[in-house]
Amino acid sequence: MNPYSDEKIVNSWEKNASQWSAAVRGGHIESRKLITNKAIVEAVLSHSPESVLDIGCGEGWLIRELASQVSHLVGVDVVPDLIEQAESAGGGHFLVASYEDIAAGAVEGLFDVVVCNFSLLGKESVETLFGAVPASLKTDGVFIVQTPHPVVASDLPYIDGWREGSWVGFGSDFVDPAPWYFRTLESWVALFSDNGFQLLEIREPIHPKTHKPASVIFTGAYKANHATSA
């Protein structure tokens, strides 16, 4: 297996599903507890959605967090053990599907918000997903992505490319960290615009201890006329 590939990412998460569920539910990930969890919830709820699709939902915490305010919630993840954890905790409907499955129509219905919270780690799979998201959005729906902030997420050269993974700060039980595909801020913006999205907002949640960006949150609206005229 290629150590720098979308396949390797999935393989790693399959090995760490139970550890991840325990870390999230135990509040063991400091940046999530201090700022990024709240930031993504606020970003989603700012659009007053009646329906939300969480792609790469993991063990379902975001679905549970939104359940009291959003009537229709669907969570999708490629790792069966994570979906099993999500289903056991409830809050919405869950299904096992890869990003390629989603592109092939695995998720039925249209949504006010499609959200990816720290779940866009690969290269080809992410590019495939961006092209597929518009088919799941209502006419006035939005696509929200939270991801590590490129400016502070890597000390390597500031160019697109695969990076080695790390579980530093996540706990000693994690094994075989997943690689991830680094994108510059410019490349993230291009990923939206190249797939017909107009960026409505870019938020940079600031970590209260380091005073550096803990993440970046993009909100895009699909503009069909852009895609057809490009």
Protein backbone atom coordinates (compact mmCIF):
# COMPACT_ATOMS: atom_id res chain seq x y z
CA MET A 1 0.00 0.00 0.00
CA ASN A 2 1.28 3.46 -0.89
CA PRO A 3 2.11 5.18 2.44
CA TYR A 4 1.02 8.52 0.96
CA SER A 5 -2.42 7.79 -0.44
CA ASP A 6 -6.13 8.10 0.21
CA GLU A 7 -6.22 4.34 0.76
CA LYS A 8 -3.66 4.60 3.55
CA ILE A 9 -5.74 7.29 5.28
CA VAL A 10 -8.76 5.00 5.43
CA ASN A 11 -6.59 2.10 6.60
CA SER A 12 -5.23 4.18 9.47
CA TRP A 13 -8.64 5.37 10.61
CA GLU A 14 -9.94 1.82 10.61
CA LYS A 15 -7.17 0.97 13.09
CA ASN A 16 -7.94 3.94 15.33
CA ALA A 17 -11.74 4.07 15.35
CA SER A 18 -12.21 3.10 19.00
CA GLN A 19 -9.34 5.30 20.16
CA TRP A 20 -10.83 8.26 18.28
CA SER A 21 -14.28 7.73 19.75
CA ALA A 22 -12.84 7.62 23.25
CA ALA A 23 -10.73 10.75 22.69
CA VAL A 24 -13.61 12.79 21.27
CA ARG A 25 -16.16 11.69 23.85
CA GLY A 26 -13.68 12.14 26.69
CA GLY A 27 -12.75 15.66 25.60
CA HIS A 28 -9.10 14.71 25.30
CA ILE A 29 -8.27 16.86 22.25
CA GLU A 30 -7.51 20.31 23.62
CA SER A 31 -7.98 22.41 20.48
CA ARG A 32 -11.37 20.86 19.80
CA LYS A 33 -12.49 21.41 23.38
CA LEU A 34 -11.23 24.99 23.53
CA ILE A 35 -12.26 26.39 20.15
CA THR A 36 -12.79 24.29 17.01
CA ASN A 37 -15.86 22.31 18.13
CA LYS A 38 -17.70 25.48 19.04
CA ALA A 39 -16.50 27.19 15.87
CA ILE A 40 -17.96 24.61 13.49
CA VAL A 41 -21.26 24.39 15.39
CA GLU A 42 -21.63 28.17 15.21
CA ALA A 43 -20.73 28.20 11.51
CA VAL A 44 -23.39 25.60 10.71
CA LEU A 45 -26.12 27.10 12.88
CA SER A 46 -25.52 30.60 11.50
CA HIS A 47 -27.41 29.40 8.41
CA SER A 48 -30.42 28.20 10.44
CA PRO A 49 -30.52 24.87 8.59
CA GLU A 50 -33.39 22.41 8.69
CA SER A 51 -31.20 19.69 7.19
CA VAL A 52 -27.46 18.93 7.50
CA LEU A 53 -25.25 16.30 5.88
CA ASP A 54 -22.03 15.65 7.83
CA ILE A 55 -19.49 13.98 5.53
CA GLY A 56 -16.71 12.21 7.40
CA CYS A 57 -18.82 12.34 10.56
CA GLY A 58 -16.61 10.01 12.60
CA GLU A 59 -18.36 8.85 15.75
CA GLY A 60 -21.10 11.41 15.23
CA TRP A 61 -20.41 14.13 17.79
CA LEU A 62 -21.37 17.01 15.47
CA ILE A 63 -24.67 15.33 14.59
CA ARG A 64 -25.45 14.95 18.31
CA GLU A 65 -24.45 18.55 18.96
CA LEU A 66 -26.84 19.81 16.28
CA ALA A 67 -29.70 17.43 17.08
CA SER A 68 -31.61 19.80 19.33
CA GLN A 69 -31.72 22.53 16.67
CA VAL A 70 -31.75 20.74 13.29
CA SER A 71 -34.62 18.43 12.37
CA HIS A 72 -32.96 16.30 9.67
CA LEU A 73 -29.39 15.11 10.20
CA VAL A 74 -27.41 12.57 8.20
CA GLY A 75 -23.85 11.46 8.98
CA VAL A 76 -21.64 9.53 6.57
CA ASP A 77 -18.25 7.92 7.16
CA VAL A 78 -16.18 5.28 5.37
CA VAL A 79 -15.20 3.47 8.61
CA PRO A 80 -17.89 1.00 9.74
CA ASP A 81 -16.73 1.00 13.37
CA LEU A 82 -17.17 4.77 13.57
CA ILE A 83 -20.67 4.60 12.11
CA GLU A 84 -21.51 1.86 14.61
CA GLN A 85 -20.38 4.19 17.41
CA ALA A 86 -22.44 7.03 15.93
CA GLU A 87 -25.56 4.91 15.59
CA SER A 88 -25.30 3.70 19.17
CA ALA A 89 -25.23 7.30 20.43
CA GLY A 90 -28.03 8.48 18.11
CA GLY A 91 -28.98 11.98 17.06
CA GLY A 92 -29.49 11.37 13.36
CA HIS A 93 -29.32 8.89 10.51
CA PHE A 94 -25.94 7.33 9.67
CA LEU A 95 -24.53 5.31 6.80
CA VAL A 96 -21.21 3.84 5.72
CA ALA A 97 -19.99 5.33 2.44
CA SER A 98 -16.73 6.50 0.91
CA TYR A 99 -16.34 9.85 -0.83
CA GLU A 100 -16.42 7.94 -4.10
CA ASP A 101 -19.70 6.30 -3.01
CA ILE A 102 -21.14 9.72 -2.28
CA ALA A 103 -20.09 10.91 -5.73
CA ALA A 104 -21.92 7.90 -7.15
CA GLY A 105 -25.15 8.92 -5.41
CA ALA A 106 -25.04 6.97 -2.13
CA VAL A 107 -26.72 9.75 -0.16
CA GLU A 108 -30.32 10.57 -1.01
CA GLY A 109 -31.96 13.96 -0.60
CA LEU A 110 -30.94 17.61 -0.60
CA PHE A 111 -29.54 19.54 2.34
CA ASP A 112 -29.33 23.13 3.57
CA VAL A 113 -25.78 22.53 4.79
CA VAL A 114 -23.16 19.98 3.78
CA VAL A 115 -20.31 20.06 6.30
CA CYS A 116 -16.86 18.46 6.43
CA ASN A 117 -15.20 18.94 9.81
CA PHE A 118 -11.49 18.02 9.71
CA SER A 119 -12.43 15.18 7.37
CA LEU A 120 -10.81 16.27 4.10
CA LEU A 121 -7.38 14.71 4.47
CA GLY A 122 -6.67 13.13 1.09
CA LYS A 123 -6.04 14.24 -2.45
CA GLU A 124 -8.07 12.48 -5.17
CA SER A 125 -10.91 11.57 -2.81
CA VAL A 126 -11.27 15.19 -1.70
CA GLU A 127 -11.21 16.47 -5.27
CA THR A 128 -13.88 13.90 -6.19
CA LEU A 129 -16.02 14.94 -3.24
CA PHE A 130 -15.88 18.64 -4.13
CA GLY A 131 -17.29 17.81 -7.53
CA ALA A 132 -20.08 15.76 -5.96
CA VAL A 133 -21.26 18.06 -3.15
CA PRO A 134 -23.43 20.34 -5.35
CA ALA A 135 -25.73 17.37 -6.08
CA SER A 136 -26.54 17.17 -2.35
CA LEU A 137 -27.22 20.89 -1.82
CA LYS A 138 -30.51 22.70 -1.96
CA THR A 139 -30.56 25.70 -4.29
CA ASP A 140 -29.59 28.09 -1.49
CA GLY A 141 -27.54 25.56 0.45
CA VAL A 142 -23.94 25.99 1.60
CA PHE A 143 -20.84 23.81 1.84
CA ILE A 144 -18.83 24.33 5.05
CA VAL A 145 -15.31 22.96 5.53
CA GLN A 146 -13.18 23.19 8.66
CA THR A 147 -9.56 22.12 8.23
CA PRO A 148 -6.18 22.77 9.92
CA HIS A 149 -5.00 26.27 9.07
CA PRO A 150 -2.35 25.93 6.34
CA VAL A 151 -0.21 28.74 7.71
CA VAL A 152 0.39 27.02 11.05
CA ALA A 153 -0.31 23.35 10.24
CA SER A 154 3.09 22.44 8.85
CA ASP A 155 6.70 23.54 9.26
CA LEU A 156 7.61 22.12 5.85
CA PRO A 157 7.78 24.22 2.67
CA TYR A 158 4.53 26.00 1.94
CA ILE A 159 3.60 23.99 -1.13
CA ASP A 160 0.90 21.41 -1.82
CA GLY A 161 1.93 17.84 -1.14
CA TRP A 162 1.65 14.76 1.04
CA ARG A 163 2.76 14.99 4.67
CA GLU A 164 3.49 12.32 7.26
CA GLY A 165 0.80 11.97 9.89
CA SER A 166 1.13 12.33 13.64
CA TRP A 167 -1.00 11.55 16.69
CA VAL A 168 0.91 13.99 18.92
CA GLY A 169 -1.57 15.45 21.38
CA PHE A 170 -4.21 12.79 20.73
CA GLY A 171 -3.16 10.06 23.17
CA SER A 172 -0.79 7.11 23.48
CA ASP A 173 -3.37 4.54 22.34
CA PHE A 174 -3.31 5.76 18.72
CA VAL A 175 -1.29 3.77 16.18
CA ASP A 176 -0.09 4.08 12.58
CA PRO A 177 -0.96 7.76 11.93
CA ALA A 178 -2.65 8.62 8.67
CA PRO A 179 -0.81 10.75 6.10
CA TRP A 180 -2.53 13.87 4.86
CA TYR A 181 -2.40 16.02 1.77
CA PHE A 182 -1.35 19.58 2.57
CA ARG A 183 -2.97 22.42 0.63
CA THR A 184 -2.02 26.08 0.79
CA LEU A 185 -4.72 28.65 1.47
CA GLU A 186 -4.65 29.56 -2.21
CA SER A 187 -5.20 25.91 -3.18
CA TRP A 188 -8.18 25.56 -0.84
CA VAL A 189 -9.76 28.66 -2.35
CA ALA A 190 -9.13 27.29 -5.83
CA LEU A 191 -10.72 23.98 -4.89
CA PHE A 192 -13.95 25.81 -4.13
CA SER A 193 -13.91 28.11 -7.16
CA ASP A 194 -12.85 25.39 -9.61
CA ASN A 195 -15.89 23.36 -8.57
CA GLY A 196 -18.40 26.17 -9.00
CA PHE A 197 -18.51 27.51 -5.44
CA GLN A 198 -18.50 31.15 -4.47
CA LEU A 199 -16.82 31.63 -1.10
CA LEU A 200 -19.17 33.51 1.19
CA GLU A 201 -16.95 33.54 4.26
CA ILE A 202 -13.59 32.48 5.64
CA ARG A 203 -13.30 32.23 9.42
CA GLU A 204 -10.05 31.74 11.33
CA PRO A 205 -10.80 30.53 14.88
CA ILE A 206 -8.00 31.66 17.18
CA HIS A 207 -6.62 29.27 19.78
CA PRO A 208 -7.04 31.02 23.17
CA LYS A 209 -3.64 29.83 24.43
CA THR A 210 -1.36 30.16 21.39
CA HIS A 211 -3.25 33.11 19.84
CA LYS A 212 -2.64 31.51 16.46
CA PRO A 213 -5.31 30.21 14.08
CA ALA A 214 -6.51 26.81 15.30
CA SER A 215 -8.19 26.14 11.97
CA VAL A 216 -9.79 27.76 8.96
CA ILE A 217 -13.49 27.46 8.10
CA PHE A 218 -14.65 28.01 4.53
CA THR A 219 -18.29 28.54 3.59
CA GLY A 220 -19.18 28.27 -0.08
CA ALA A 221 -22.39 28.52 -2.11
CA TYR A 222 -22.70 26.64 -5.37
CA LYS A 223 -23.31 28.78 -8.41
CA ALA A 224 -24.52 26.60 -11.27
CA ASN A 225 -24.01 29.33 -13.86
CA HIS A 226 -20.33 29.51 -12.89
CA ALA A 227 -19.86 25.81 -13.55
CA THR A 228 -21.50 25.94 -16.95
CA SER A 229 -19.66 29.05 -18.12
CA ALA A 230 -16.21 28.04 -16.86
